[in-house]
């Protein structure tokens, strides 16, 4: 599947609010409604999605790299990302 685009999921306890990520064709990335998680770049290596950025909060910036497995049940409109036993489900935002 093509990962470029905006992928979001509902925010628990916040009705009608979504959060997620924008993955751009040039390898840059940005967060959607996640103000303490600043995504900067992404790349795909096989079934892995590698996200880099900074966690910001309380005046401290911590750089991170997350490697997530793209689940085989992902489609052009649904993205399932696995990290250990945790699975996050995202939908493609269509405009």
PDB file of N, CA and C in Angstrom:
ATOM      1  N   UNK A   1       0.841  -1.197   0.000  1.00  0.00           N
ATOM      2  CA  UNK A   1       0.000   0.000   0.000  1.00  0.00           C
ATOM      3  C   UNK A   1       0.880   1.251   0.000  1.00  0.00           C
ATOM      4  N   UNK A   2       0.318   2.306  -0.527  1.00  0.00           N
ATOM      5  CA  UNK A   2       0.992   3.612  -0.531  1.00  0.00           C
ATOM      6  C   UNK A   2       0.723   4.278   0.814  1.00  0.00           C
ATOM      7  N   UNK A   3       1.775   4.577   1.556  1.00  0.00           N
ATOM      8  CA  UNK A   3       1.620   5.152   2.888  1.00  0.00           C
ATOM      9  C   UNK A   3       1.513   6.671   2.901  1.00  0.00           C
ATOM     10  N   UNK A   4       1.801   7.330   1.781  1.00  0.00           N
ATOM     11  CA  UNK A   4       1.735   8.784   1.786  1.00  0.00           C
ATOM     12  C   UNK A   4       0.294   9.235   2.019  1.00  0.00           C
ATOM     13  N   UNK A   5       0.159  10.293   2.799  1.00  0.00           N
ATOM     14  CA  UNK A   5      -1.163  10.824   3.104  1.00  0.00           C
ATOM     15  C   UNK A   5      -1.310  11.058   4.589  1.00  0.00           C
ATOM     16  N   UNK A   6      -2.544  11.330   4.993  1.00  0.00           N
ATOM     17  CA  UNK A   6      -2.855  11.601   6.390  1.00  0.00           C
ATOM     18  C   UNK A   6      -3.602  10.414   6.969  1.00  0.00           C
ATOM     19  N   UNK A   7      -3.080   9.894   8.067  1.00  0.00           N
ATOM     20  CA  UNK A   7      -3.651   8.736   8.754  1.00  0.00           C
ATOM     21  C   UNK A   7      -4.062   9.167  10.156  1.00  0.00           C
ATOM     22  N   UNK A   8      -5.334   8.929  10.527  1.00  0.00           N
ATOM     23  CA  UNK A   8      -5.827   9.368  11.823  1.00  0.00           C
ATOM     24  C   UNK A   8      -6.606   8.254  12.524  1.00  0.00           C
ATOM     25  N   UNK A   9      -6.812   8.464  13.822  1.00  0.00           N
ATOM     26  CA  UNK A   9      -7.630   7.574  14.631  1.00  0.00           C
ATOM     27  C   UNK A   9      -8.366   8.437  15.656  1.00  0.00           C
ATOM     28  N   UNK A  10      -9.520   7.969  16.139  1.00  0.00           N
ATOM     29  CA  UNK A  10     -10.244   8.740  17.146  1.00  0.00           C
ATOM     30  C   UNK A  10      -9.412   8.887  18.422  1.00  0.00           C
ATOM     31  N   UNK A  11      -9.600  10.006  19.098  1.00  0.00           N
ATOM     32  CA  UNK A  11      -8.938  10.232  20.380  1.00  0.00           C
ATOM     33  C   UNK A  11      -9.918   9.815  21.475  1.00  0.00           C
ATOM     34  N   UNK A  12      -9.535   8.832  22.302  1.00  0.00           N
ATOM     35  CA  UNK A  12     -10.440   8.429  23.390  1.00  0.00           C
ATOM     36  C   UNK A  12     -10.751   9.619  24.294  1.00  0.00           C
ATOM     37  N   UNK A  13     -11.965   9.710  24.744  1.00  0.00           N
ATOM     38  CA  UNK A  13     -12.428  10.748  25.668  1.00  0.00           C
ATOM     39  C   UNK A  13     -12.555  12.130  25.025  1.00  0.00           C
ATOM     40  N   UNK A  14     -12.293  12.241  23.725  1.00  0.00           N
ATOM     41  CA  UNK A  14     -12.465  13.527  23.030  1.00  0.00           C
ATOM     42  C   UNK A  14     -13.380  13.272  21.831  1.00  0.00           C
ATOM     43  N   UNK A  15     -14.640  13.560  22.023  1.00  0.00           N
ATOM     44  CA  UNK A  15     -15.590  13.306  20.942  1.00  0.00           C
ATOM     45  C   UNK A  15     -15.249  14.111  19.694  1.00  0.00           C
ATOM     46  N   UNK A  16     -15.324  13.466  18.581  1.00  0.00           N
ATOM     47  CA  UNK A  16     -15.097  14.069  17.258  1.00  0.00           C
ATOM     48  C   UNK A  16     -13.682  14.605  17.054  1.00  0.00           C
ATOM     49  N   UNK A  17     -12.726  14.201  17.877  1.00  0.00           N
ATOM     50  CA  UNK A  17     -11.346  14.619  17.673  1.00  0.00           C
ATOM     51  C   UNK A  17     -10.540  13.425  17.187  1.00  0.00           C
ATOM     52  N   UNK A  18      -9.639  13.693  16.253  1.00  0.00           N
ATOM     53  CA  UNK A  18      -8.756  12.650  15.750  1.00  0.00           C
ATOM     54  C   UNK A  18      -7.307  13.077  15.939  1.00  0.00           C
ATOM     55  N   UNK A  19      -6.419  12.101  15.938  1.00  0.00           N
ATOM     56  CA  UNK A  19      -4.985  12.353  16.011  1.00  0.00           C
ATOM     57  C   UNK A  19      -4.307  11.363  15.081  1.00  0.00           C
ATOM     58  N   UNK A  20      -3.105  11.693  14.661  1.00  0.00           N
ATOM     59  CA  UNK A  20      -2.406  10.780  13.776  1.00  0.00           C
ATOM     60  C   UNK A  20      -1.184  11.418  13.177  1.00  0.00           C
ATOM     61  N   UNK A  21      -0.977  11.129  11.877  1.00  0.00           N
ATOM     62  CA  UNK A  21       0.258  11.562  11.223  1.00  0.00           C
ATOM     63  C   UNK A  21       0.029  11.852   9.752  1.00  0.00           C
ATOM     64  N   UNK A  22       0.802  12.795   9.261  1.00  0.00           N
ATOM     65  CA  UNK A  22       0.851  13.124   7.841  1.00  0.00           C
ATOM     66  C   UNK A  22       2.183  12.617   7.325  1.00  0.00           C
ATOM     67  N   UNK A  23       2.142  11.696   6.360  1.00  0.00           N
ATOM     68  CA  UNK A  23       3.354  11.146   5.757  1.00  0.00           C
ATOM     69  C   UNK A  23       3.466  11.701   4.345  1.00  0.00           C
ATOM     70  N   UNK A  24       4.471  12.530   4.108  1.00  0.00           N
ATOM     71  CA  UNK A  24       4.638  13.206   2.816  1.00  0.00           C
ATOM     72  C   UNK A  24       5.539  12.413   1.885  1.00  0.00           C
ATOM     73  N   UNK A  25       5.336  12.595   0.584  1.00  0.00           N
ATOM     74  CA  UNK A  25       6.086  11.860  -0.433  1.00  0.00           C
ATOM     75  C   UNK A  25       7.591  12.116  -0.354  1.00  0.00           C
ATOM     76  N   UNK A  26       7.994  13.270   0.174  1.00  0.00           N
ATOM     77  CA  UNK A  26       9.437  13.583   0.244  1.00  0.00           C
ATOM     78  C   UNK A  26      10.116  13.013   1.495  1.00  0.00           C
ATOM     79  N   UNK A  27       9.383  12.208   2.280  1.00  0.00           N
ATOM     80  CA  UNK A  27       9.974  11.596   3.468  1.00  0.00           C
ATOM     81  C   UNK A  27       9.809  12.408   4.740  1.00  0.00           C
ATOM     82  N   UNK A  28       9.237  13.598   4.629  1.00  0.00           N
ATOM     83  CA  UNK A  28       8.955  14.369   5.834  1.00  0.00           C
ATOM     84  C   UNK A  28       7.633  13.877   6.438  1.00  0.00           C
ATOM     85  N   UNK A  29       7.471  14.161   7.714  1.00  0.00           N
ATOM     86  CA  UNK A  29       6.252  13.752   8.410  1.00  0.00           C
ATOM     87  C   UNK A  29       5.861  14.845   9.384  1.00  0.00           C
ATOM     88  N   UNK A  30       4.585  14.871   9.753  1.00  0.00           N
ATOM     89  CA  UNK A  30       4.136  15.794  10.779  1.00  0.00           C
ATOM     90  C   UNK A  30       3.017  15.132  11.565  1.00  0.00           C
ATOM     91  N   UNK A  31       2.864  15.591  12.793  1.00  0.00           N
ATOM     92  CA  UNK A  31       1.827  15.073  13.678  1.00  0.00           C
ATOM     93  C   UNK A  31       0.508  15.778  13.401  1.00  0.00           C
ATOM     94  N   UNK A  32      -0.585  15.070  13.627  1.00  0.00           N
ATOM     95  CA  UNK A  32      -1.921  15.635  13.532  1.00  0.00           C
ATOM     96  C   UNK A  32      -2.521  15.608  14.937  1.00  0.00           C
ATOM     97  N   UNK A  33      -2.720  16.790  15.518  1.00  0.00           N
ATOM     98  CA  UNK A  33      -3.320  16.936  16.852  1.00  0.00           C
ATOM     99  C   UNK A  33      -2.566  16.188  17.948  1.00  0.00           C
ATOM    100  N   UNK A  34      -1.261  16.038  17.803  1.00  0.00           N
ATOM    101  CA  UNK A  34      -0.425  15.452  18.863  1.00  0.00           C
ATOM    102  C   UNK A  34       0.670  16.469  19.156  1.00  0.00           C
ATOM    103  N   UNK A  35       0.390  17.354  20.095  1.00  0.00           N
ATOM    104  CA  UNK A  35       1.236  18.522  20.278  1.00  0.00           C
ATOM    105  C   UNK A  35       2.533  18.242  21.016  1.00  0.00           C
ATOM    106  N   UNK A  36       2.608  17.140  21.743  1.00  0.00           N
ATOM    107  CA  UNK A  36       3.851  16.814  22.448  1.00  0.00           C
ATOM    108  C   UNK A  36       4.689  15.798  21.684  1.00  0.00           C
ATOM    109  N   UNK A  37       4.175  15.354  20.525  1.00  0.00           N
ATOM    110  CA  UNK A  37       4.915  14.411  19.684  1.00  0.00           C
ATOM    111  C   UNK A  37       5.114  15.066  18.323  1.00  0.00           C
ATOM    112  N   UNK A  38       6.343  15.467  18.021  1.00  0.00           N
ATOM    113  CA  UNK A  38       6.641  16.186  16.788  1.00  0.00           C
ATOM    114  C   UNK A  38       7.302  15.211  15.808  1.00  0.00           C
ATOM    115  N   UNK A  39       6.538  14.749  14.833  1.00  0.00           N
ATOM    116  CA  UNK A  39       7.104  13.866  13.815  1.00  0.00           C
ATOM    117  C   UNK A  39       7.884  14.703  12.813  1.00  0.00           C
ATOM    118  N   UNK A  40       9.039  14.168  12.384  1.00  0.00           N
ATOM    119  CA  UNK A  40       9.890  14.897  11.441  1.00  0.00           C
ATOM    120  C   UNK A  40      10.094  14.151  10.132  1.00  0.00           C
ATOM    121  N   UNK A  41      10.254  12.834  10.189  1.00  0.00           N
ATOM    122  CA  UNK A  41      10.502  12.087   8.952  1.00  0.00           C
ATOM    123  C   UNK A  41       9.991  10.657   9.083  1.00  0.00           C
ATOM    124  N   UNK A  42       9.872  10.008   7.924  1.00  0.00           N
ATOM    125  CA  UNK A  42       9.443   8.625   7.885  1.00  0.00           C
ATOM    126  C   UNK A  42      10.103   7.921   6.717  1.00  0.00           C
ATOM    127  N   UNK A  43      10.200   6.600   6.825  1.00  0.00           N
ATOM    128  CA  UNK A  43      10.616   5.784   5.688  1.00  0.00           C
ATOM    129  C   UNK A  43      10.041   4.395   5.868  1.00  0.00           C
ATOM    130  N   UNK A  44       9.911   3.717   4.745  1.00  0.00           N
ATOM    131  CA  UNK A  44       9.412   2.354   4.747  1.00  0.00           C
ATOM    132  C   UNK A  44      10.535   1.435   4.327  1.00  0.00           C
ATOM    133  N   UNK A  45      10.709   0.362   5.089  1.00  0.00           N
ATOM    134  CA  UNK A  45      11.664  -0.688   4.742  1.00  0.00           C
ATOM    135  C   UNK A  45      10.913  -2.005   4.825  1.00  0.00           C
ATOM    136  N   UNK A  46      10.468  -2.510   3.674  1.00  0.00           N
ATOM    137  CA  UNK A  46       9.682  -3.741   3.650  1.00  0.00           C
ATOM    138  C   UNK A  46       8.376  -3.556   4.390  1.00  0.00           C
ATOM    139  N   UNK A  47       8.161  -4.367   5.434  1.00  0.00           N
ATOM    140  CA  UNK A  47       6.927  -4.242   6.208  1.00  0.00           C
ATOM    141  C   UNK A  47       7.117  -3.364   7.446  1.00  0.00           C
ATOM    142  N   UNK A  48       8.175  -2.570   7.470  1.00  0.00           N
ATOM    143  CA  UNK A  48       8.462  -1.684   8.613  1.00  0.00           C
ATOM    144  C   UNK A  48       8.236  -0.223   8.237  1.00  0.00           C
ATOM    145  N   UNK A  49       7.607   0.511   9.158  1.00  0.00           N
ATOM    146  CA  UNK A  49       7.473   1.959   9.053  1.00  0.00           C
ATOM    147  C   UNK A  49       8.352   2.543  10.143  1.00  0.00           C
ATOM    148  N   UNK A  50       9.303   3.378   9.751  1.00  0.00           N
ATOM    149  CA  UNK A  50      10.236   3.972  10.702  1.00  0.00           C
ATOM    150  C   UNK A  50       9.934   5.463  10.793  1.00  0.00           C
ATOM    151  N   UNK A  51       9.542   5.899  11.990  1.00  0.00           N
ATOM    152  CA  UNK A  51       9.195   7.289  12.250  1.00  0.00           C
ATOM    153  C   UNK A  51      10.258   7.917  13.142  1.00  0.00           C
ATOM    154  N   UNK A  52      10.667   9.130  12.821  1.00  0.00           N
ATOM    155  CA  UNK A  52      11.610   9.853  13.679  1.00  0.00           C
ATOM    156  C   UNK A  52      11.008  11.207  14.033  1.00  0.00           C
ATOM    157  N   UNK A  53      11.393  11.686  15.200  1.00  0.00           N
ATOM    158  CA  UNK A  53      10.895  12.977  15.641  1.00  0.00           C
ATOM    159  C   UNK A  53      11.377  13.303  17.034  1.00  0.00           C
ATOM    160  N   UNK A  54      10.603  14.159  17.709  1.00  0.00           N
ATOM    161  CA  UNK A  54      10.932  14.596  19.063  1.00  0.00           C
ATOM    162  C   UNK A  54       9.685  14.528  19.933  1.00  0.00           C
ATOM    163  N   UNK A  55       9.896  14.081  21.150  1.00  0.00           N
ATOM    164  CA  UNK A  55       8.872  14.172  22.169  1.00  0.00           C
ATOM    165  C   UNK A  55       9.173  15.442  22.952  1.00  0.00           C
ATOM    166  N   UNK A  56       8.204  16.343  22.998  1.00  0.00           N
ATOM    167  CA  UNK A  56       8.435  17.628  23.653  1.00  0.00           C
ATOM    168  C   UNK A  56       7.425  17.804  24.783  1.00  0.00           C
ATOM    169  N   UNK A  57       7.882  18.303  25.863  1.00  0.00           N
ATOM    170  CA  UNK A  57       6.997  18.538  26.996  1.00  0.00           C
ATOM    171  C   UNK A  57       7.819  18.885  28.217  1.00  0.00           C
ATOM    172  N   UNK A  58       7.263  19.698  29.065  1.00  0.00           N
ATOM    173  CA  UNK A  58       7.945  20.128  30.283  1.00  0.00           C
ATOM    174  C   UNK A  58       9.313  20.741  29.991  1.00  0.00           C
ATOM    175  N   UNK A  59       9.457  21.371  28.836  1.00  0.00           N
ATOM    176  CA  UNK A  59      10.710  22.019  28.484  1.00  0.00           C
ATOM    177  C   UNK A  59      11.819  21.081  28.064  1.00  0.00           C
ATOM    178  N   UNK A  60      11.496  19.794  27.883  1.00  0.00           N
ATOM    179  CA  UNK A  60      12.512  18.812  27.508  1.00  0.00           C
ATOM    180  C   UNK A  60      12.166  18.240  26.137  1.00  0.00           C
ATOM    181  N   UNK A  61      13.161  18.177  25.240  1.00  0.00           N
ATOM    182  CA  UNK A  61      12.990  17.556  23.927  1.00  0.00           C
ATOM    183  C   UNK A  61      13.770  16.251  23.903  1.00  0.00           C
ATOM    184  N   UNK A  62      13.101  15.165  23.580  1.00  0.00           N
ATOM    185  CA  UNK A  62      13.749  13.858  23.508  1.00  0.00           C
ATOM    186  C   UNK A  62      13.569  13.316  22.098  1.00  0.00           C
ATOM    187  N   UNK A  63      14.688  13.111  21.398  1.00  0.00           N
ATOM    188  CA  UNK A  63      14.629  12.555  20.048  1.00  0.00           C
ATOM    189  C   UNK A  63      14.244  11.075  20.122  1.00  0.00           C
ATOM    190  N   UNK A  64      13.498  10.619  19.122  1.00  0.00           N
ATOM    191  CA  UNK A  64      13.118   9.207  19.096  1.00  0.00           C
ATOM    192  C   UNK A  64      13.106   8.683  17.668  1.00  0.00           C
ATOM    193  N   UNK A  65      13.225   7.381  17.564  1.00  0.00           N
ATOM    194  CA  UNK A  65      12.987   6.641  16.329  1.00  0.00           C
ATOM    195  C   UNK A  65      12.128   5.448  16.706  1.00  0.00           C
ATOM    196  N   UNK A  66      10.957   5.333  16.088  1.00  0.00           N
ATOM    197  CA  UNK A  66      10.068   4.195  16.327  1.00  0.00           C
ATOM    198  C   UNK A  66      10.014   3.335  15.082  1.00  0.00           C
ATOM    199  N   UNK A  67      10.167   2.033  15.272  1.00  0.00           N
ATOM    200  CA  UNK A  67      10.030   1.080  14.182  1.00  0.00           C
ATOM    201  C   UNK A  67       8.760   0.287  14.423  1.00  0.00           C
ATOM    202  N   UNK A  68       7.824   0.417  13.494  1.00  0.00           N
ATOM    203  CA  UNK A  68       6.518  -0.223  13.604  1.00  0.00           C
ATOM    204  C   UNK A  68       6.344  -1.210  12.457  1.00  0.00           C
ATOM    205  N   UNK A  69       5.668  -2.311  12.730  1.00  0.00           N
ATOM    206  CA  UNK A  69       5.392  -3.302  11.686  1.00  0.00           C
ATOM    207  C   UNK A  69       4.042  -2.994  11.054  1.00  0.00           C
ATOM    208  N   UNK A  70       4.032  -2.927   9.722  1.00  0.00           N
ATOM    209  CA  UNK A  70       2.793  -2.709   8.975  1.00  0.00           C
ATOM    210  C   UNK A  70       2.095  -4.059   8.868  1.00  0.00           C
ATOM    211  N   UNK A  71       0.946  -4.185   9.504  1.00  0.00           N
ATOM    212  CA  UNK A  71       0.222  -5.452   9.520  1.00  0.00           C
ATOM    213  C   UNK A  71      -0.311  -5.776   8.133  1.00  0.00           C
ATOM    214  N   UNK A  72      -0.348  -7.062   7.816  1.00  0.00           N
ATOM    215  CA  UNK A  72      -0.798  -7.509   6.492  1.00  0.00           C
ATOM    216  C   UNK A  72      -2.251  -7.166   6.200  1.00  0.00           C
ATOM    217  N   UNK A  73      -3.059  -6.928   7.242  1.00  0.00           N
ATOM    218  CA  UNK A  73      -4.464  -6.586   6.984  1.00  0.00           C
ATOM    219  C   UNK A  73      -4.653  -5.120   6.603  1.00  0.00           C
ATOM    220  N   UNK A  74      -3.567  -4.364   6.515  1.00  0.00           N
ATOM    221  CA  UNK A  74      -3.651  -2.963   6.091  1.00  0.00           C
ATOM    222  C   UNK A  74      -4.110  -2.882   4.643  1.00  0.00           C
ATOM    223  N   UNK A  75      -4.873  -1.821   4.330  1.00  0.00           N
ATOM    224  CA  UNK A  75      -5.370  -1.588   2.976  1.00  0.00           C
ATOM    225  C   UNK A  75      -5.069  -0.144   2.591  1.00  0.00           C
ATOM    226  N   UNK A  76      -5.543   0.276   1.426  1.00  0.00           N
ATOM    227  CA  UNK A  76      -5.347   1.662   1.009  1.00  0.00           C
ATOM    228  C   UNK A  76      -6.058   2.653   1.933  1.00  0.00           C
ATOM    229  N   UNK A  77      -7.051   2.193   2.690  1.00  0.00           N
ATOM    230  CA  UNK A  77      -7.809   3.082   3.567  1.00  0.00           C
ATOM    231  C   UNK A  77      -7.646   2.791   5.054  1.00  0.00           C
ATOM    232  N   UNK A  78      -7.037   1.660   5.396  1.00  0.00           N
ATOM    233  CA  UNK A  78      -6.863   1.271   6.795  1.00  0.00           C
ATOM    234  C   UNK A  78      -5.418   0.845   7.024  1.00  0.00           C
ATOM    235  N   UNK A  79      -4.796   1.426   8.038  1.00  0.00           N
ATOM    236  CA  UNK A  79      -3.397   1.129   8.349  1.00  0.00           C
ATOM    237  C   UNK A  79      -3.329   0.590   9.768  1.00  0.00           C
ATOM    238  N   UNK A  80      -2.790  -0.620   9.898  1.00  0.00           N
ATOM    239  CA  UNK A  80      -2.622  -1.256  11.196  1.00  0.00           C
ATOM    240  C   UNK A  80      -1.130  -1.354  11.473  1.00  0.00           C
ATOM    241  N   UNK A  81      -0.698  -0.687  12.546  1.00  0.00           N
ATOM    242  CA  UNK A  81       0.718  -0.649  12.912  1.00  0.00           C
ATOM    243  C   UNK A  81       0.912  -1.375  14.229  1.00  0.00           C
ATOM    244  N   UNK A  82       1.889  -2.296  14.227  1.00  0.00           N
ATOM    245  CA  UNK A  82       2.153  -3.119  15.390  1.00  0.00           C
ATOM    246  C   UNK A  82       3.512  -2.771  15.976  1.00  0.00           C
ATOM    247  N   UNK A  83       3.550  -2.678  17.307  1.00  0.00           N
ATOM    248  CA  UNK A  83       4.800  -2.513  18.038  1.00  0.00           C
ATOM    249  C   UNK A  83       4.697  -3.433  19.245  1.00  0.00           C
ATOM    250  N   UNK A  84       5.390  -4.551  19.193  1.00  0.00           N
ATOM    251  CA  UNK A  84       5.221  -5.572  20.226  1.00  0.00           C
ATOM    252  C   UNK A  84       3.817  -6.137  20.143  1.00  0.00           C
ATOM    253  N   UNK A  85       3.108  -6.132  21.263  1.00  0.00           N
ATOM    254  CA  UNK A  85       1.728  -6.635  21.270  1.00  0.00           C
ATOM    255  C   UNK A  85       0.710  -5.527  21.046  1.00  0.00           C
ATOM    256  N   UNK A  86       1.165  -4.284  20.962  1.00  0.00           N
ATOM    257  CA  UNK A  86       0.280  -3.138  20.765  1.00  0.00           C
ATOM    258  C   UNK A  86      -0.003  -2.938  19.275  1.00  0.00           C
ATOM    259  N   UNK A  87      -1.279  -2.875  18.905  1.00  0.00           N
ATOM    260  CA  UNK A  87      -1.675  -2.604  17.515  1.00  0.00           C
ATOM    261  C   UNK A  87      -2.496  -1.323  17.493  1.00  0.00           C
ATOM    262  N   UNK A  88      -2.098  -0.388  16.637  1.00  0.00           N
ATOM    263  CA  UNK A  88      -2.822   0.862  16.450  1.00  0.00           C
ATOM    264  C   UNK A  88      -3.487   0.825  15.077  1.00  0.00           C
ATOM    265  N   UNK A  89      -4.757   1.223  15.013  1.00  0.00           N
ATOM    266  CA  UNK A  89      -5.505   1.250  13.758  1.00  0.00           C
ATOM    267  C   UNK A  89      -5.733   2.701  13.332  1.00  0.00           C
ATOM    268  N   UNK A  90      -5.417   2.991  12.069  1.00  0.00           N
ATOM    269  CA  UNK A  90      -5.589   4.329  11.506  1.00  0.00           C
ATOM    270  C   UNK A  90      -6.415   4.245  10.239  1.00  0.00           C
ATOM    271  N   UNK A  91      -7.169   5.293   9.963  1.00  0.00           N
ATOM    272  CA  UNK A  91      -7.890   5.403   8.704  1.00  0.00           C
ATOM    273  C   UNK A  91      -7.284   6.537   7.881  1.00  0.00           C
ATOM    274  N   UNK A  92      -7.303   6.355   6.563  1.00  0.00           N
ATOM    275  CA  UNK A  92      -6.774   7.409   5.672  1.00  0.00           C
ATOM    276  C   UNK A  92      -7.783   8.551   5.626  1.00  0.00           C
ATOM    277  N   UNK A  93      -7.308   9.757   5.856  1.00  0.00           N
ATOM    278  CA  UNK A  93      -8.154  10.938   5.797  1.00  0.00           C
ATOM    279  C   UNK A  93      -8.298  11.344   4.340  1.00  0.00           C
ATOM    280  N   UNK A  94      -9.523  11.336   3.851  1.00  0.00           N
ATOM    281  CA  UNK A  94      -9.814  11.747   2.471  1.00  0.00           C
ATOM    282  C   UNK A  94     -10.375  13.152   2.502  1.00  0.00           C
ATOM    283  N   UNK A  95      -9.893  13.983   1.613  1.00  0.00           N
ATOM    284  CA  UNK A  95     -10.396  15.375   1.571  1.00  0.00           C
ATOM    285  C   UNK A  95     -11.230  15.613   0.350  1.00  0.00           C
TER     286      UNK A  95
END
